Amino acid sequence: MARLRLTQQGFTLIEILVVVLIIGLLGSLAGVSWFSLLNEQRMRSGVNEAMSAMRLAQAGARRENLRWTVAFRTHDNQVQWTVNRATMPVTQWQWQNLLENDADKIEIVPSQTTLPLIDGSYRLTYEFNGRVAITHTPPQQITFRPKGNTAVGSQRCVQVVTLLGTIRSRRGADCS
């Protein structure tokens, strides 16, 4: 009498479910890490752009021997900046989005921003020699954070630390 041998092929349902569960778990962890990395890069780029705007105003003041102003605001849910001669009327200012397409993903933190708020924009004026206008006693700063994230550790700021206009960036509790 011949014996029948049953051969088992493939995977059991439990094995497949375990593999799918592990892949799902790893995917969700990678997604969270990717989102954090993206936010961190966005904040770094925003601060670099804000520092560049401040340096542009300072350089303009030195080059033309005139007062120049850099300003930041939130308009239509987007953070914007502008650099102009201090004598130019506000209505003629040309605003640019901070971070181009991601301007709606960050926000200004008013409680941690010490630049004067004038007519809805945070302003810093440089004298003709590139020094900070005496009305703005250092340190002055503007602080940003990812939209909706109130954690202090996620904040980044740009500080003007001397009357000579020395600029530096800080993060987290150093912005408080």
N, C-alpha and C. Protein backbone atom coordinates (compact mmCIF):
# COMPACT_ATOMS: atom_id res chain seq x y z
N MET A 1 0.82 -1.16 0.00
CA MET A 1 0.00 0.00 0.00
C MET A 1 0.88 1.24 0.00
N ALA A 2 0.59 2.09 -0.86
CA ALA A 2 1.39 3.31 -1.00
C ALA A 2 0.91 4.38 -0.03
N ARG A 3 1.85 5.01 0.58
CA ARG A 3 1.51 6.10 1.50
C ARG A 3 1.42 7.40 0.72
N LEU A 4 0.43 8.16 1.07
CA LEU A 4 0.30 9.48 0.46
C LEU A 4 1.07 10.50 1.31
N ARG A 5 1.88 11.26 0.67
CA ARG A 5 2.60 12.32 1.38
C ARG A 5 2.03 13.67 0.97
N LEU A 6 1.67 14.40 1.98
CA LEU A 6 1.19 15.75 1.71
C LEU A 6 2.38 16.70 1.84
N THR A 7 2.63 17.42 0.81
CA THR A 7 3.70 18.41 0.89
C THR A 7 3.06 19.77 1.12
N GLN A 8 3.74 20.53 1.93
CA GLN A 8 3.22 21.84 2.27
C GLN A 8 3.94 22.87 1.42
N GLN A 9 3.17 23.69 0.74
CA GLN A 9 3.75 24.73 -0.09
C GLN A 9 3.21 26.09 0.35
N GLY A 10 4.05 27.13 0.28
CA GLY A 10 3.61 28.48 0.61
C GLY A 10 3.71 28.77 2.09
N PHE A 11 3.07 29.87 2.49
CA PHE A 11 3.11 30.32 3.87
C PHE A 11 1.74 30.19 4.49
N THR A 12 1.72 30.06 5.78
CA THR A 12 0.43 30.00 6.47
C THR A 12 -0.10 31.42 6.61
N LEU A 13 -1.36 31.52 6.91
CA LEU A 13 -2.01 32.81 7.08
C LEU A 13 -1.37 33.60 8.22
N ILE A 14 -1.02 32.93 9.28
CA ILE A 14 -0.41 33.61 10.43
C ILE A 14 0.95 34.18 10.05
N GLU A 15 1.74 33.44 9.30
CA GLU A 15 3.05 33.94 8.88
C GLU A 15 2.92 35.19 8.01
N ILE A 16 1.97 35.17 7.10
CA ILE A 16 1.74 36.33 6.23
C ILE A 16 1.30 37.53 7.05
N LEU A 17 0.40 37.34 8.01
CA LEU A 17 -0.07 38.44 8.85
C LEU A 17 1.06 39.03 9.69
N VAL A 18 1.94 38.19 10.21
CA VAL A 18 3.07 38.68 11.00
C VAL A 18 4.00 39.53 10.13
N VAL A 19 4.30 39.07 8.92
CA VAL A 19 5.17 39.82 8.02
C VAL A 19 4.53 41.16 7.66
N VAL A 20 3.25 41.17 7.34
CA VAL A 20 2.55 42.41 7.00
C VAL A 20 2.56 43.37 8.18
N LEU A 21 2.35 42.85 9.38
CA LEU A 21 2.36 43.68 10.59
C LEU A 21 3.74 44.30 10.82
N ILE A 22 4.79 43.53 10.64
CA ILE A 22 6.16 44.04 10.82
C ILE A 22 6.47 45.11 9.78
N ILE A 23 6.10 44.88 8.54
CA ILE A 23 6.33 45.87 7.48
C ILE A 23 5.56 47.15 7.78
N GLY A 24 4.33 47.03 8.23
CA GLY A 24 3.53 48.20 8.58
C GLY A 24 4.14 48.99 9.72
N LEU A 25 4.63 48.29 10.73
CA LEU A 25 5.25 48.94 11.88
C LEU A 25 6.52 49.68 11.46
N LEU A 26 7.36 49.04 10.68
CA LEU A 26 8.59 49.69 10.21
C LEU A 26 8.27 50.89 9.31
N GLY A 27 7.25 50.76 8.49
CA GLY A 27 6.85 51.86 7.62
C GLY A 27 6.35 53.07 8.40
N SER A 28 5.59 52.82 9.46
CA SER A 28 5.09 53.94 10.26
C SER A 28 6.23 54.63 11.01
N LEU A 29 7.20 53.87 11.49
CA LEU A 29 8.35 54.48 12.16
C LEU A 29 9.18 55.31 11.17
N ALA A 30 9.36 54.80 9.99
CA ALA A 30 10.12 55.53 8.97
C ALA A 30 9.38 56.81 8.58
N GLY A 31 8.06 56.76 8.51
CA GLY A 31 7.27 57.94 8.16
C GLY A 31 7.42 59.05 9.18
N VAL A 32 7.40 58.70 10.45
CA VAL A 32 7.56 59.70 11.52
C VAL A 32 8.95 60.31 11.45
N SER A 33 9.97 59.49 11.26
CA SER A 33 11.34 60.00 11.16
C SER A 33 11.49 60.91 9.94
N TRP A 34 10.90 60.54 8.84
CA TRP A 34 10.99 61.34 7.62
C TRP A 34 10.32 62.69 7.83
N PHE A 35 9.17 62.71 8.48
CA PHE A 35 8.45 63.95 8.74
C PHE A 35 9.28 64.87 9.64
N SER A 36 9.92 64.31 10.66
CA SER A 36 10.77 65.10 11.55
C SER A 36 11.97 65.67 10.79
N LEU A 37 12.57 64.86 9.97
CA LEU A 37 13.71 65.31 9.17
C LEU A 37 13.30 66.43 8.22
N LEU A 38 12.14 66.30 7.61
CA LEU A 38 11.64 67.31 6.69
C LEU A 38 11.38 68.63 7.42
N ASN A 39 10.77 68.56 8.61
CA ASN A 39 10.53 69.77 9.41
C ASN A 39 11.83 70.43 9.82
N GLU A 40 12.79 69.64 10.23
CA GLU A 40 14.09 70.17 10.65
C GLU A 40 14.77 70.90 9.48
N GLN A 41 14.75 70.29 8.32
CA GLN A 41 15.36 70.92 7.14
C GLN A 41 14.62 72.21 6.76
N ARG A 42 13.31 72.19 6.86
CA ARG A 42 12.50 73.36 6.55
C ARG A 42 12.86 74.52 7.50
N MET A 43 12.99 74.22 8.79
CA MET A 43 13.32 75.25 9.77
C MET A 43 14.72 75.81 9.52
N ARG A 44 15.66 74.93 9.23
CA ARG A 44 17.03 75.37 8.95
C ARG A 44 17.05 76.31 7.73
N SER A 45 16.32 75.94 6.70
CA SER A 45 16.27 76.77 5.50
C SER A 45 15.60 78.11 5.77
N GLY A 46 14.54 78.11 6.56
CA GLY A 46 13.84 79.35 6.90
C GLY A 46 14.73 80.32 7.67
N VAL A 47 15.46 79.80 8.64
CA VAL A 47 16.37 80.65 9.42
C VAL A 47 17.49 81.18 8.53
N ASN A 48 18.02 80.35 7.66
CA ASN A 48 19.08 80.81 6.75
C ASN A 48 18.58 81.92 5.83
N GLU A 49 17.34 81.79 5.37
CA GLU A 49 16.78 82.82 4.50
C GLU A 49 16.54 84.12 5.27
N ALA A 50 16.08 84.01 6.52
CA ALA A 50 15.88 85.20 7.36
C ALA A 50 17.22 85.89 7.63
N MET A 51 18.26 85.11 7.91
CA MET A 51 19.59 85.69 8.13
C MET A 51 20.09 86.39 6.86
N SER A 52 19.85 85.79 5.72
CA SER A 52 20.26 86.40 4.46
C SER A 52 19.53 87.72 4.23
N ALA A 53 18.26 87.77 4.57
CA ALA A 53 17.49 89.01 4.42
C ALA A 53 18.07 90.10 5.32
N MET A 54 18.42 89.75 6.55
CA MET A 54 19.02 90.73 7.46
C MET A 54 20.37 91.23 6.94
N ARG A 55 21.16 90.32 6.42
CA ARG A 55 22.47 90.71 5.87
C ARG A 55 22.31 91.57 4.62
N LEU A 56 21.27 91.28 3.84
CA LEU A 56 21.00 92.07 2.64
C LEU A 56 20.66 93.51 3.02
N ALA A 57 19.84 93.69 4.05
CA ALA A 57 19.49 95.03 4.52
C ALA A 57 20.72 95.75 5.05
N GLN A 58 21.54 95.05 5.79
CA GLN A 58 22.75 95.64 6.35
C GLN A 58 23.72 96.06 5.23
N ALA A 59 23.88 95.20 4.25
CA ALA A 59 24.76 95.51 3.13
C ALA A 59 24.22 96.69 2.31
N GLY A 60 22.91 96.74 2.13
CA GLY A 60 22.31 97.86 1.40
C GLY A 60 22.54 99.19 2.12
N ALA A 61 22.43 99.16 3.44
CA ALA A 61 22.66 100.38 4.23
C ALA A 61 24.10 100.86 4.07
N ARG A 62 25.05 99.94 4.12
CA ARG A 62 26.46 100.31 3.97
C ARG A 62 26.77 100.80 2.56
N ARG A 63 26.23 100.10 1.58
CA ARG A 63 26.52 100.41 0.18
C ARG A 63 25.99 101.79 -0.22
N GLU A 64 24.77 102.11 0.22
CA GLU A 64 24.13 103.35 -0.22
C GLU A 64 24.21 104.47 0.81
N ASN A 65 24.79 104.20 1.97
CA ASN A 65 24.84 105.19 3.05
C ASN A 65 23.45 105.72 3.39
N LEU A 66 22.49 104.81 3.44
CA LEU A 66 21.11 105.14 3.79
C LEU A 66 20.60 104.11 4.80
N ARG A 67 19.55 104.46 5.51
CA ARG A 67 18.92 103.51 6.42
C ARG A 67 18.12 102.48 5.61
N TRP A 68 18.28 101.21 5.96
CA TRP A 68 17.54 100.13 5.32
C TRP A 68 16.80 99.34 6.39
N THR A 69 15.66 98.79 6.01
CA THR A 69 14.82 98.03 6.93
C THR A 69 14.56 96.64 6.38
N VAL A 70 14.63 95.66 7.26
CA VAL A 70 14.18 94.30 6.94
C VAL A 70 12.93 94.06 7.77
N ALA A 71 11.93 93.44 7.18
CA ALA A 71 10.67 93.22 7.88
C ALA A 71 10.15 91.81 7.60
N PHE A 72 9.45 91.26 8.58
CA PHE A 72 8.85 89.93 8.49
C PHE A 72 7.39 90.05 8.90
N ARG A 73 6.54 89.27 8.26
CA ARG A 73 5.13 89.26 8.63
C ARG A 73 4.50 87.93 8.25
N THR A 74 3.29 87.73 8.76
CA THR A 74 2.46 86.61 8.32
C THR A 74 1.30 87.21 7.54
N HIS A 75 1.15 86.80 6.29
CA HIS A 75 0.09 87.32 5.42
C HIS A 75 -0.51 86.15 4.66
N ASP A 76 -1.82 86.03 4.69
CA ASP A 76 -2.51 84.91 4.05
C ASP A 76 -1.94 83.57 4.50
N ASN A 77 -1.67 83.48 5.79
CA ASN A 77 -1.18 82.24 6.41
C ASN A 77 0.22 81.85 5.94
N GLN A 78 0.98 82.81 5.42
CA GLN A 78 2.33 82.54 4.95
C GLN A 78 3.30 83.55 5.55
N VAL A 79 4.47 83.08 5.95
CA VAL A 79 5.50 83.97 6.48
C VAL A 79 6.21 84.63 5.30
N GLN A 80 6.34 85.96 5.37
CA GLN A 80 6.96 86.71 4.29
C GLN A 80 8.02 87.65 4.84
N TRP A 81 8.92 88.09 3.96
CA TRP A 81 9.96 89.06 4.33
C TRP A 81 10.15 90.06 3.20
N THR A 82 10.73 91.20 3.56
CA THR A 82 11.06 92.22 2.58
C THR A 82 12.25 93.02 3.08
N VAL A 83 13.02 93.57 2.16
CA VAL A 83 14.15 94.44 2.48
C VAL A 83 13.99 95.69 1.62
N ASN A 84 14.02 96.86 2.26
CA ASN A 84 13.80 98.12 1.55
C ASN A 84 14.57 99.25 2.22
N ARG A 85 14.72 100.34 1.47
CA ARG A 85 15.22 101.57 2.09
C ARG A 85 14.18 102.00 3.13
N ALA A 86 14.65 102.53 4.22
CA ALA A 86 13.73 102.93 5.29
C ALA A 86 12.81 104.06 4.85
N THR A 87 13.21 104.80 3.84
CA THR A 87 12.39 105.92 3.36
C THR A 87 11.29 105.49 2.40
N MET A 88 11.35 104.26 1.92
CA MET A 88 10.34 103.79 0.97
C MET A 88 9.00 103.58 1.68
N PRO A 89 7.90 104.05 1.10
CA PRO A 89 6.59 103.84 1.73
C PRO A 89 6.26 102.34 1.83
N VAL A 90 5.64 101.98 2.94
CA VAL A 90 5.31 100.57 3.20
C VAL A 90 4.44 100.00 2.09
N THR A 91 3.60 100.80 1.49
CA THR A 91 2.71 100.32 0.43
C THR A 91 3.47 99.88 -0.81
N GLN A 92 4.72 100.29 -0.94
CA GLN A 92 5.52 99.92 -2.11
C GLN A 92 6.47 98.76 -1.83
N TRP A 93 6.44 98.24 -0.63
CA TRP A 93 7.32 97.12 -0.29
C TRP A 93 6.94 95.89 -1.10
N GLN A 94 7.94 95.18 -1.57
CA GLN A 94 7.74 93.94 -2.32
C GLN A 94 8.00 92.76 -1.37
N TRP A 95 6.96 92.05 -0.99
CA TRP A 95 7.08 90.95 -0.03
C TRP A 95 7.39 89.65 -0.76
N GLN A 96 8.23 88.84 -0.13
CA GLN A 96 8.58 87.52 -0.66
C GLN A 96 8.28 86.47 0.39
N ASN A 97 7.80 85.32 -0.06
CA ASN A 97 7.53 84.22 0.87
C ASN A 97 8.84 83.65 1.41
N LEU A 98 8.85 83.43 2.71
CA LEU A 98 9.98 82.72 3.32
C LEU A 98 9.80 81.26 2.95
N LEU A 99 10.76 80.63 2.38
CA LEU A 99 10.72 79.22 1.95
C LEU A 99 9.85 78.99 0.72
N GLU A 100 9.65 79.98 -0.11
CA GLU A 100 8.90 79.81 -1.35
C GLU A 100 7.60 79.04 -1.18
N ASN A 101 7.61 77.74 -1.51
CA ASN A 101 6.39 76.93 -1.50
C ASN A 101 6.00 76.42 -0.12
N ASP A 102 6.89 76.52 0.85
CA ASP A 102 6.60 76.02 2.20
C ASP A 102 6.35 77.14 3.20
N ALA A 103 6.04 78.33 2.73
CA ALA A 103 5.83 79.48 3.62
C ALA A 103 4.65 79.27 4.56
N ASP A 104 3.76 78.37 4.22
CA ASP A 104 2.61 78.10 5.09
C ASP A 104 2.88 76.97 6.08
N LYS A 105 4.08 76.43 6.08
CA LYS A 105 4.41 75.32 6.97
C LYS A 105 5.16 75.77 8.22
N ILE A 106 5.51 77.06 8.27
CA ILE A 106 6.17 77.60 9.46
C ILE A 106 5.39 78.82 9.93
N GLU A 107 5.69 79.26 11.14
CA GLU A 107 5.03 80.44 11.67
C GLU A 107 5.99 81.22 12.56
N ILE A 108 5.69 82.51 12.71
CA ILE A 108 6.45 83.37 13.62
C ILE A 108 5.90 83.15 15.01
N VAL A 109 6.78 83.09 16.01
CA VAL A 109 6.37 82.93 17.41
C VAL A 109 6.39 84.32 18.06
N PRO A 110 5.23 84.97 18.17
CA PRO A 110 5.21 86.34 18.70
C PRO A 110 5.76 86.47 20.12
N SER A 111 5.51 85.47 20.96
CA SER A 111 5.96 85.57 22.35
C SER A 111 7.47 85.47 22.50
N GLN A 112 8.16 84.96 21.49
CA GLN A 112 9.61 84.83 21.54
C GLN A 112 10.31 85.76 20.55
N THR A 113 9.55 86.65 19.92
CA THR A 113 10.12 87.59 18.96
C THR A 113 10.20 88.96 19.61
N THR A 114 11.40 89.55 19.59
CA THR A 114 11.59 90.85 20.25
C THR A 114 11.77 92.00 19.27
N LEU A 115 11.73 91.73 17.97
CA LEU A 115 11.75 92.82 17.01
C LEU A 115 10.47 93.63 17.19
N PRO A 116 10.53 94.95 17.01
CA PRO A 116 9.32 95.76 17.17
C PRO A 116 8.26 95.38 16.13
N LEU A 117 7.03 95.26 16.59
CA LEU A 117 5.90 94.98 15.70
C LEU A 117 5.27 96.32 15.32
N ILE A 118 5.40 96.69 14.06
CA ILE A 118 4.89 97.97 13.58
C ILE A 118 3.97 97.71 12.40
N ASP A 119 2.72 98.08 12.54
CA ASP A 119 1.73 97.90 11.47
C ASP A 119 1.70 96.48 10.92
N GLY A 120 1.78 95.50 11.79
CA GLY A 120 1.64 94.10 11.39
C GLY A 120 2.91 93.42 10.91
N SER A 121 4.05 94.11 10.97
CA SER A 121 5.29 93.46 10.56
C SER A 121 6.38 93.71 11.61
N TYR A 122 7.23 92.70 11.78
CA TYR A 122 8.36 92.79 12.69
C TYR A 122 9.52 93.41 11.91
N ARG A 123 10.05 94.54 12.42
CA ARG A 123 11.03 95.30 11.65
C ARG A 123 12.34 95.50 12.39
N LEU A 124 13.40 95.56 11.60
CA LEU A 124 14.72 95.90 12.10
C LEU A 124 15.34 96.86 11.09
N THR A 125 15.81 98.00 11.58
CA THR A 125 16.38 99.02 10.70
C THR A 125 17.88 99.13 10.95
N TYR A 126 18.63 99.23 9.86
CA TYR A 126 20.07 99.43 9.92
C TYR A 126 20.37 100.87 9.53
N GLU A 127 21.30 101.49 10.25
CA GLU A 127 21.75 102.85 9.94
C GLU A 127 22.61 102.84 8.68
N PHE A 128 22.98 104.02 8.22
CA PHE A 128 23.77 104.17 6.99
C PHE A 128 25.10 103.41 7.03
N ASN A 129 25.64 103.17 8.24
CA ASN A 129 26.92 102.49 8.37
C ASN A 129 26.78 100.98 8.63
N GLY A 130 25.56 100.47 8.56
CA GLY A 130 25.33 99.05 8.75
C GLY A 130 25.09 98.64 10.19
N ARG A 131 25.10 99.60 11.09
CA ARG A 131 24.82 99.29 12.49
C ARG A 131 23.32 99.30 12.72
N VAL A 132 22.91 98.58 13.76
CA VAL A 132 21.49 98.52 14.11
C VAL A 132 21.06 99.89 14.62
N ALA A 133 19.89 100.35 14.17
CA ALA A 133 19.36 101.64 14.62
C ALA A 133 19.23 101.62 16.14
N ILE A 134 19.57 102.71 16.78
CA ILE A 134 19.64 102.78 18.23
C ILE A 134 18.28 102.51 18.89
N THR A 135 17.20 102.64 18.15
CA THR A 135 15.88 102.35 18.71
C THR A 135 15.68 100.86 18.95
N HIS A 136 16.53 100.04 18.37
CA HIS A 136 16.46 98.59 18.54
C HIS A 136 17.64 98.13 19.39
N THR A 137 17.50 98.16 20.69
CA THR A 137 18.59 97.76 21.57
C THR A 137 18.77 96.25 21.52
N PRO A 138 19.96 95.76 21.16
CA PRO A 138 20.20 94.32 21.11
C PRO A 138 20.11 93.68 22.49
N PRO A 139 19.90 92.41 22.58
CA PRO A 139 19.66 91.52 21.45
C PRO A 139 18.21 91.60 20.97
N GLN A 140 18.05 91.55 19.67
CA GLN A 140 16.74 91.50 19.03
C GLN A 140 16.66 90.16 18.30
N GLN A 141 15.46 89.60 18.22
CA GLN A 141 15.36 88.32 17.53
C GLN A 141 13.98 88.13 16.92
N ILE A 142 13.95 87.27 15.91
CA ILE A 142 12.69 86.78 15.36
C ILE A 142 12.75 85.26 15.47
N THR A 143 11.65 84.68 15.93
CA THR A 143 11.62 83.24 16.21
C THR A 143 10.57 82.57 15.33
N PHE A 144 10.94 81.41 14.79
CA PHE A 144 10.06 80.62 13.94
C PHE A 144 9.88 79.23 14.55
N ARG A 145 8.80 78.56 14.16
CA ARG A 145 8.57 77.17 14.54
C ARG A 145 7.72 76.53 13.45
N PRO A 146 7.75 75.19 13.38
CA PRO A 146 6.86 74.51 12.44
C PRO A 146 5.41 74.79 12.82
N LYS A 147 4.58 75.02 11.85
CA LYS A 147 3.18 75.36 12.12
C LYS A 147 2.52 74.26 12.95
N GLY A 148 1.88 74.68 14.04
CA GLY A 148 1.15 73.76 14.90
C GLY A 148 2.00 73.04 15.93
N ASN A 149 3.31 73.24 15.91
CA ASN A 149 4.20 72.57 16.86
C ASN A 149 4.62 73.59 17.92
N THR A 150 4.10 73.45 19.13
CA THR A 150 4.40 74.42 20.18
C THR A 150 5.58 74.01 21.06
N ALA A 151 6.22 72.90 20.75
CA ALA A 151 7.36 72.45 21.55
C ALA A 151 8.52 73.44 21.43
N VAL A 152 9.09 73.82 22.55
CA VAL A 152 10.20 74.77 22.57
C VAL A 152 11.38 74.24 21.76
N GLY A 153 11.60 72.95 21.79
CA GLY A 153 12.72 72.36 21.07
C GLY A 153 12.65 72.50 19.57
N SER A 154 11.47 72.75 19.03
CA SER A 154 11.32 72.87 17.58
C SER A 154 11.56 74.30 17.08
N GLN A 155 11.68 75.26 17.99
CA GLN A 155 11.86 76.66 17.62
C GLN A 155 13.27 76.93 17.10
N ARG A 156 13.35 77.88 16.18
CA ARG A 156 14.64 78.39 15.71
C ARG A 156 14.50 79.90 15.61
N CYS A 157 15.57 80.60 15.91
CA CYS A 157 15.50 82.06 15.88
C CYS A 157 16.76 82.65 15.26
N VAL A 158 16.62 83.89 14.81
CA VAL A 158 17.74 84.69 14.32
C VAL A 158 17.87 85.85 15.28
N GLN A 159 19.07 86.01 15.85
CA GLN A 159 19.31 87.07 16.82
C GLN A 159 20.31 88.08 16.26
N VAL A 160 20.01 89.35 16.52
CA VAL A 160 20.96 90.43 16.27
C VAL A 160 21.51 90.77 17.64
N VAL A 161 22.76 90.43 17.89
CA VAL A 161 23.29 90.45 19.26
C VAL A 161 24.09 91.69 19.63
N THR A 162 24.51 92.49 18.66
CA THR A 162 25.26 93.70 18.98
C THR A 162 24.75 94.86 18.15
N LEU A 163 25.09 96.08 18.56
CA LEU A 163 24.73 97.26 17.77
C LEU A 163 25.44 97.27 16.43
N LEU A 164 26.56 96.55 16.34
CA LEU A 164 27.27 96.46 15.07
C LEU A 164 26.53 95.59 14.06
N GLY A 165 25.53 94.85 14.53
CA GLY A 165 24.71 94.04 13.64
C GLY A 165 25.12 92.60 13.53
N THR A 166 25.87 92.09 14.49
CA THR A 166 26.26 90.68 14.47
C THR A 166 25.02 89.80 14.54
N ILE A 167 24.91 88.85 13.62
CA ILE A 167 23.73 87.99 13.51
C ILE A 167 24.13 86.56 13.79
N ARG A 168 23.29 85.84 14.53
CA ARG A 168 23.52 84.41 14.75
C ARG A 168 22.18 83.70 14.86
N SER A 169 22.22 82.41 14.61
CA SER A 169 21.00 81.61 14.73
C SER A 169 21.08 80.77 15.99
N ARG A 170 19.92 80.51 16.56
CA ARG A 170 19.80 79.71 17.77
C ARG A 170 18.63 78.75 17.57
N ARG A 171 18.55 77.78 18.49
CA ARG A 171 17.43 76.83 18.42
C ARG A 171 16.98 76.46 19.82
N GLY A 172 15.74 76.02 19.90
CA GLY A 172 15.19 75.52 21.15
C GLY A 172 15.15 76.54 22.26
N ALA A 173 15.59 76.13 23.45
CA ALA A 173 15.53 76.98 24.64
C ALA A 173 16.42 78.21 24.52
N ASP A 174 17.41 78.20 23.64
CA ASP A 174 18.27 79.37 23.46
C ASP A 174 17.51 80.55 22.84
N CYS A 175 16.32 80.30 22.33
CA CYS A 175 15.50 81.36 21.76
C CYS A 175 14.59 82.00 22.81
N SER A 176 14.55 81.44 24.00
CA SER A 176 13.65 81.96 25.04
C SER A 176 14.27 83.12 25.77
